[in-house]
Amino acid sequence: MCVLSLSPSSSLLVVVVVVVALVVVVVVVVVVVVVVVVVVVVVVVVVVVVVVVVVVVVKVVVVVVMLYYSSSEVVVAAAAVVVAAVVVVVVRAVVVMVVVVVVR
């Protein structure tokens, strides 16, 4: 029968190996969590950009159709206001997304 007996120096070596292994596991877990968070943030930013672009395109198409079928000055003025509002919303959304990405 073989009995495992550890000398004080080998016991210290075992403790060091276990501590190093735990540190490596913690570092790997932290790196994986950070990568997952970054990927989620990038996906959210891309989805927001796509939604904003779709909204802008739809609003511009509506304005163009309104202008095409009407020559009223009121409609032209309303269309100009809508286009200006869309531009402001898009610029604001892009600035917010850039700030969020840079801060993270």
N, C-alpha and C. Protein backbone atom coordinates (compact mmCIF):
# COMPACT_ATOMS: atom_id res chain seq x y z
N MET A 1 0.84 -1.17 0.00
CA MET A 1 0.00 0.00 0.00
C MET A 1 0.88 1.23 0.00
N CYS A 2 0.51 2.18 -0.83
CA CYS A 2 1.32 3.38 -0.98
C CYS A 2 0.65 4.52 -0.24
N VAL A 3 1.37 5.15 0.64
CA VAL A 3 0.83 6.28 1.40
C VAL A 3 1.50 7.54 0.89
N LEU A 4 0.68 8.55 0.57
CA LEU A 4 1.22 9.81 0.06
C LEU A 4 1.61 10.67 1.25
N SER A 5 2.87 10.95 1.34
CA SER A 5 3.31 11.83 2.42
C SER A 5 3.97 13.04 1.79
N LEU A 6 3.57 14.18 2.25
CA LEU A 6 4.09 15.42 1.69
C LEU A 6 5.03 16.08 2.68
N SER A 7 6.15 16.47 2.16
CA SER A 7 7.07 17.23 2.99
C SER A 7 6.60 18.68 3.00
N PRO A 8 7.08 19.49 3.90
CA PRO A 8 6.65 20.90 3.94
C PRO A 8 6.89 21.64 2.62
N SER A 9 7.98 21.34 1.94
CA SER A 9 8.25 22.05 0.68
C SER A 9 7.30 21.61 -0.42
N SER A 10 6.95 20.32 -0.45
CA SER A 10 6.01 19.87 -1.47
C SER A 10 4.59 20.34 -1.15
N SER A 11 4.25 20.49 0.11
CA SER A 11 2.94 21.03 0.49
C SER A 11 2.82 22.48 0.01
N LEU A 12 3.87 23.23 0.16
CA LEU A 12 3.88 24.61 -0.30
C LEU A 12 3.74 24.67 -1.82
N LEU A 13 4.40 23.74 -2.50
CA LEU A 13 4.30 23.68 -3.96
C LEU A 13 2.87 23.38 -4.39
N VAL A 14 2.19 22.48 -3.71
CA VAL A 14 0.80 22.16 -4.03
C VAL A 14 -0.09 23.38 -3.82
N VAL A 15 0.12 24.11 -2.74
CA VAL A 15 -0.67 25.31 -2.47
C VAL A 15 -0.44 26.36 -3.55
N VAL A 16 0.80 26.55 -3.95
CA VAL A 16 1.11 27.52 -5.00
C VAL A 16 0.46 27.12 -6.31
N VAL A 17 0.50 25.85 -6.67
CA VAL A 17 -0.10 25.37 -7.91
C VAL A 17 -1.62 25.58 -7.88
N VAL A 18 -2.25 25.29 -6.76
CA VAL A 18 -3.70 25.47 -6.63
C VAL A 18 -4.06 26.95 -6.73
N VAL A 19 -3.31 27.82 -6.09
CA VAL A 19 -3.58 29.26 -6.13
C VAL A 19 -3.41 29.79 -7.55
N VAL A 20 -2.36 29.39 -8.22
CA VAL A 20 -2.13 29.83 -9.60
C VAL A 20 -3.26 29.33 -10.51
N ALA A 21 -3.68 28.10 -10.32
CA ALA A 21 -4.78 27.56 -11.13
C ALA A 21 -6.06 28.36 -10.89
N LEU A 22 -6.35 28.70 -9.65
CA LEU A 22 -7.54 29.49 -9.36
C LEU A 22 -7.46 30.89 -9.98
N VAL A 23 -6.30 31.51 -9.92
CA VAL A 23 -6.12 32.83 -10.52
C VAL A 23 -6.33 32.75 -12.03
N VAL A 24 -5.79 31.73 -12.67
CA VAL A 24 -5.96 31.56 -14.11
C VAL A 24 -7.44 31.39 -14.45
N VAL A 25 -8.16 30.59 -13.69
CA VAL A 25 -9.59 30.37 -13.93
C VAL A 25 -10.35 31.68 -13.78
N VAL A 26 -10.06 32.45 -12.74
CA VAL A 26 -10.75 33.73 -12.53
C VAL A 26 -10.45 34.69 -13.67
N VAL A 27 -9.22 34.76 -14.12
CA VAL A 27 -8.85 35.66 -15.22
C VAL A 27 -9.58 35.24 -16.50
N VAL A 28 -9.63 33.96 -16.79
CA VAL A 28 -10.33 33.49 -17.98
C VAL A 28 -11.81 33.83 -17.92
N VAL A 29 -12.43 33.63 -16.77
CA VAL A 29 -13.86 33.94 -16.61
C VAL A 29 -14.09 35.45 -16.81
N VAL A 30 -13.25 36.29 -16.24
CA VAL A 30 -13.40 37.74 -16.39
C VAL A 30 -13.24 38.14 -17.86
N VAL A 31 -12.27 37.58 -18.54
CA VAL A 31 -12.06 37.90 -19.96
C VAL A 31 -13.28 37.47 -20.78
N VAL A 32 -13.82 36.31 -20.53
CA VAL A 32 -14.99 35.83 -21.26
C VAL A 32 -16.18 36.75 -21.01
N VAL A 33 -16.40 37.16 -19.76
CA VAL A 33 -17.52 38.06 -19.44
C VAL A 33 -17.34 39.40 -20.15
N VAL A 34 -16.14 39.94 -20.15
CA VAL A 34 -15.89 41.22 -20.82
C VAL A 34 -16.15 41.10 -22.32
N VAL A 35 -15.70 40.03 -22.93
CA VAL A 35 -15.92 39.83 -24.37
C VAL A 35 -17.41 39.72 -24.67
N VAL A 36 -18.15 38.98 -23.85
CA VAL A 36 -19.60 38.85 -24.06
C VAL A 36 -20.28 40.21 -23.92
N VAL A 37 -19.91 41.00 -22.93
CA VAL A 37 -20.51 42.32 -22.75
C VAL A 37 -20.21 43.21 -23.95
N VAL A 38 -18.99 43.19 -24.44
CA VAL A 38 -18.63 44.01 -25.60
C VAL A 38 -19.43 43.58 -26.82
N VAL A 39 -19.57 42.29 -27.03
CA VAL A 39 -20.34 41.80 -28.18
C VAL A 39 -21.80 42.23 -28.07
N VAL A 40 -22.37 42.13 -26.87
CA VAL A 40 -23.77 42.54 -26.68
C VAL A 40 -23.93 44.03 -26.95
N VAL A 41 -23.00 44.85 -26.47
CA VAL A 41 -23.07 46.30 -26.70
C VAL A 41 -22.98 46.60 -28.20
N VAL A 42 -22.08 45.95 -28.90
CA VAL A 42 -21.94 46.17 -30.34
C VAL A 42 -23.22 45.76 -31.07
N VAL A 43 -23.80 44.63 -30.70
CA VAL A 43 -25.04 44.18 -31.35
C VAL A 43 -26.17 45.18 -31.09
N VAL A 44 -26.28 45.67 -29.86
CA VAL A 44 -27.32 46.65 -29.54
C VAL A 44 -27.12 47.93 -30.36
N VAL A 45 -25.87 48.39 -30.46
CA VAL A 45 -25.60 49.60 -31.24
C VAL A 45 -25.97 49.39 -32.70
N VAL A 46 -25.63 48.25 -33.26
CA VAL A 46 -25.95 47.97 -34.66
C VAL A 46 -27.47 47.93 -34.86
N VAL A 47 -28.19 47.29 -33.94
CA VAL A 47 -29.65 47.23 -34.05
C VAL A 47 -30.25 48.63 -33.97
N VAL A 48 -29.76 49.45 -33.06
CA VAL A 48 -30.27 50.82 -32.94
C VAL A 48 -30.00 51.60 -34.22
N VAL A 49 -28.80 51.46 -34.76
CA VAL A 49 -28.48 52.18 -36.01
C VAL A 49 -29.40 51.72 -37.13
N VAL A 50 -29.65 50.43 -37.26
CA VAL A 50 -30.52 49.92 -38.32
C VAL A 50 -31.94 50.46 -38.14
N VAL A 51 -32.44 50.47 -36.90
CA VAL A 51 -33.79 50.98 -36.65
C VAL A 51 -33.88 52.46 -36.99
N VAL A 52 -32.88 53.24 -36.59
CA VAL A 52 -32.88 54.67 -36.89
C VAL A 52 -32.85 54.90 -38.40
N VAL A 53 -32.03 54.15 -39.10
CA VAL A 53 -31.94 54.31 -40.55
C VAL A 53 -33.28 53.96 -41.22
N VAL A 54 -33.93 52.89 -40.77
CA VAL A 54 -35.22 52.51 -41.34
C VAL A 54 -36.26 53.60 -41.08
N VAL A 55 -36.28 54.13 -39.86
CA VAL A 55 -37.23 55.20 -39.55
C VAL A 55 -36.98 56.42 -40.42
N VAL A 56 -35.73 56.78 -40.58
CA VAL A 56 -35.39 57.94 -41.41
C VAL A 56 -35.82 57.72 -42.85
N VAL A 57 -35.55 56.55 -43.39
CA VAL A 57 -35.92 56.26 -44.78
C VAL A 57 -37.44 56.33 -44.95
N VAL A 58 -38.18 55.76 -44.01
CA VAL A 58 -39.64 55.79 -44.10
C VAL A 58 -40.15 57.22 -44.05
N LYS A 59 -39.60 58.03 -43.14
CA LYS A 59 -40.07 59.42 -43.04
C LYS A 59 -39.73 60.21 -44.30
N VAL A 60 -38.55 59.99 -44.84
CA VAL A 60 -38.17 60.70 -46.07
C VAL A 60 -39.07 60.28 -47.23
N VAL A 61 -39.38 59.01 -47.33
CA VAL A 61 -40.28 58.54 -48.39
C VAL A 61 -41.66 59.18 -48.23
N VAL A 62 -42.15 59.25 -47.01
CA VAL A 62 -43.46 59.88 -46.77
C VAL A 62 -43.42 61.35 -47.20
N VAL A 63 -42.35 62.04 -46.84
CA VAL A 63 -42.23 63.46 -47.20
C VAL A 63 -42.17 63.61 -48.73
N VAL A 64 -41.41 62.77 -49.39
CA VAL A 64 -41.29 62.86 -50.85
C VAL A 64 -42.64 62.60 -51.50
N VAL A 65 -43.37 61.61 -51.01
CA VAL A 65 -44.70 61.31 -51.56
C VAL A 65 -45.64 62.49 -51.34
N MET A 66 -45.58 63.09 -50.13
CA MET A 66 -46.41 64.26 -49.86
C MET A 66 -46.08 65.40 -50.82
N LEU A 67 -44.81 65.62 -51.04
CA LEU A 67 -44.41 66.70 -51.94
C LEU A 67 -44.80 66.40 -53.38
N TYR A 68 -44.73 65.16 -53.75
CA TYR A 68 -45.05 64.78 -55.13
C TYR A 68 -46.54 64.99 -55.43
N TYR A 69 -47.38 64.66 -54.47
CA TYR A 69 -48.82 64.73 -54.71
C TYR A 69 -49.46 66.05 -54.27
N SER A 70 -48.67 66.98 -53.77
CA SER A 70 -49.25 68.25 -53.33
C SER A 70 -48.29 69.38 -53.65
N SER A 71 -48.86 70.47 -54.07
CA SER A 71 -48.01 71.64 -54.34
C SER A 71 -48.32 72.75 -53.35
N SER A 72 -49.06 72.42 -52.32
CA SER A 72 -49.43 73.41 -51.33
C SER A 72 -48.20 73.86 -50.55
N GLU A 73 -48.12 75.15 -50.26
CA GLU A 73 -46.99 75.67 -49.48
C GLU A 73 -47.01 75.14 -48.06
N VAL A 74 -48.19 74.89 -47.53
CA VAL A 74 -48.30 74.36 -46.17
C VAL A 74 -47.68 72.96 -46.11
N VAL A 75 -47.95 72.16 -47.11
CA VAL A 75 -47.40 70.81 -47.13
C VAL A 75 -45.88 70.86 -47.29
N VAL A 76 -45.40 71.76 -48.12
CA VAL A 76 -43.95 71.90 -48.30
C VAL A 76 -43.30 72.33 -47.00
N ALA A 77 -43.91 73.27 -46.29
CA ALA A 77 -43.37 73.71 -45.00
C ALA A 77 -43.38 72.58 -43.98
N ALA A 78 -44.48 71.83 -43.94
CA ALA A 78 -44.57 70.70 -43.01
C ALA A 78 -43.52 69.65 -43.34
N ALA A 79 -43.31 69.41 -44.62
CA ALA A 79 -42.30 68.44 -45.03
C ALA A 79 -40.91 68.91 -44.61
N ALA A 80 -40.64 70.18 -44.75
CA ALA A 80 -39.33 70.71 -44.33
C ALA A 80 -39.13 70.54 -42.83
N VAL A 81 -40.19 70.77 -42.05
CA VAL A 81 -40.09 70.60 -40.60
C VAL A 81 -39.84 69.14 -40.26
N VAL A 82 -40.53 68.22 -40.94
CA VAL A 82 -40.33 66.79 -40.68
C VAL A 82 -38.90 66.38 -41.03
N VAL A 83 -38.39 66.82 -42.15
CA VAL A 83 -37.03 66.48 -42.54
C VAL A 83 -36.03 67.02 -41.52
N ALA A 84 -36.22 68.25 -41.08
CA ALA A 84 -35.33 68.84 -40.07
C ALA A 84 -35.38 68.04 -38.78
N ALA A 85 -36.58 67.65 -38.36
CA ALA A 85 -36.72 66.86 -37.13
C ALA A 85 -36.03 65.50 -37.27
N VAL A 86 -36.17 64.89 -38.42
CA VAL A 86 -35.51 63.60 -38.65
C VAL A 86 -34.00 63.74 -38.60
N VAL A 87 -33.47 64.78 -39.21
CA VAL A 87 -32.03 65.01 -39.18
C VAL A 87 -31.55 65.20 -37.74
N VAL A 88 -32.28 65.97 -36.95
CA VAL A 88 -31.89 66.19 -35.55
C VAL A 88 -31.90 64.88 -34.78
N VAL A 89 -32.93 64.07 -34.98
CA VAL A 89 -33.02 62.79 -34.26
C VAL A 89 -31.88 61.87 -34.65
N VAL A 90 -31.56 61.81 -35.93
CA VAL A 90 -30.48 60.93 -36.39
C VAL A 90 -29.14 61.39 -35.84
N VAL A 91 -28.88 62.67 -35.90
CA VAL A 91 -27.60 63.18 -35.38
C VAL A 91 -27.50 62.92 -33.89
N ARG A 92 -28.58 63.15 -33.17
CA ARG A 92 -28.57 62.92 -31.72
C ARG A 92 -28.32 61.44 -31.42
N ALA A 93 -28.98 60.55 -32.14
CA ALA A 93 -28.82 59.11 -31.90
C ALA A 93 -27.39 58.66 -32.20
N VAL A 94 -26.82 59.16 -33.27
CA VAL A 94 -25.44 58.78 -33.61
C VAL A 94 -24.47 59.28 -32.55
N VAL A 95 -24.67 60.51 -32.08
CA VAL A 95 -23.78 61.05 -31.04
C VAL A 95 -23.89 60.23 -29.76
N VAL A 96 -25.11 59.88 -29.37
CA VAL A 96 -25.29 59.08 -28.16
C VAL A 96 -24.63 57.72 -28.30
N MET A 97 -24.79 57.08 -29.46
CA MET A 97 -24.18 55.76 -29.65
C MET A 97 -22.65 55.85 -29.63
N VAL A 98 -22.10 56.88 -30.24
CA VAL A 98 -20.65 57.04 -30.22
C VAL A 98 -20.16 57.25 -28.80
N VAL A 99 -20.86 58.08 -28.03
CA VAL A 99 -20.45 58.32 -26.64
C VAL A 99 -20.53 57.04 -25.83
N VAL A 100 -21.60 56.26 -26.02
CA VAL A 100 -21.74 55.00 -25.27
C VAL A 100 -20.62 54.04 -25.61
N VAL A 101 -20.31 53.92 -26.89
CA VAL A 101 -19.24 52.99 -27.30
C VAL A 101 -17.89 53.46 -26.78
N VAL A 102 -17.62 54.76 -26.84
CA VAL A 102 -16.33 55.27 -26.38
C VAL A 102 -16.20 55.13 -24.87
N VAL A 103 -17.28 55.40 -24.14
CA VAL A 103 -17.22 55.31 -22.67
C VAL A 103 -17.02 53.87 -22.23
N ARG A 104 -17.67 52.94 -22.91
CA ARG A 104 -17.53 51.53 -22.52
C ARG A 104 -16.18 51.04 -22.96
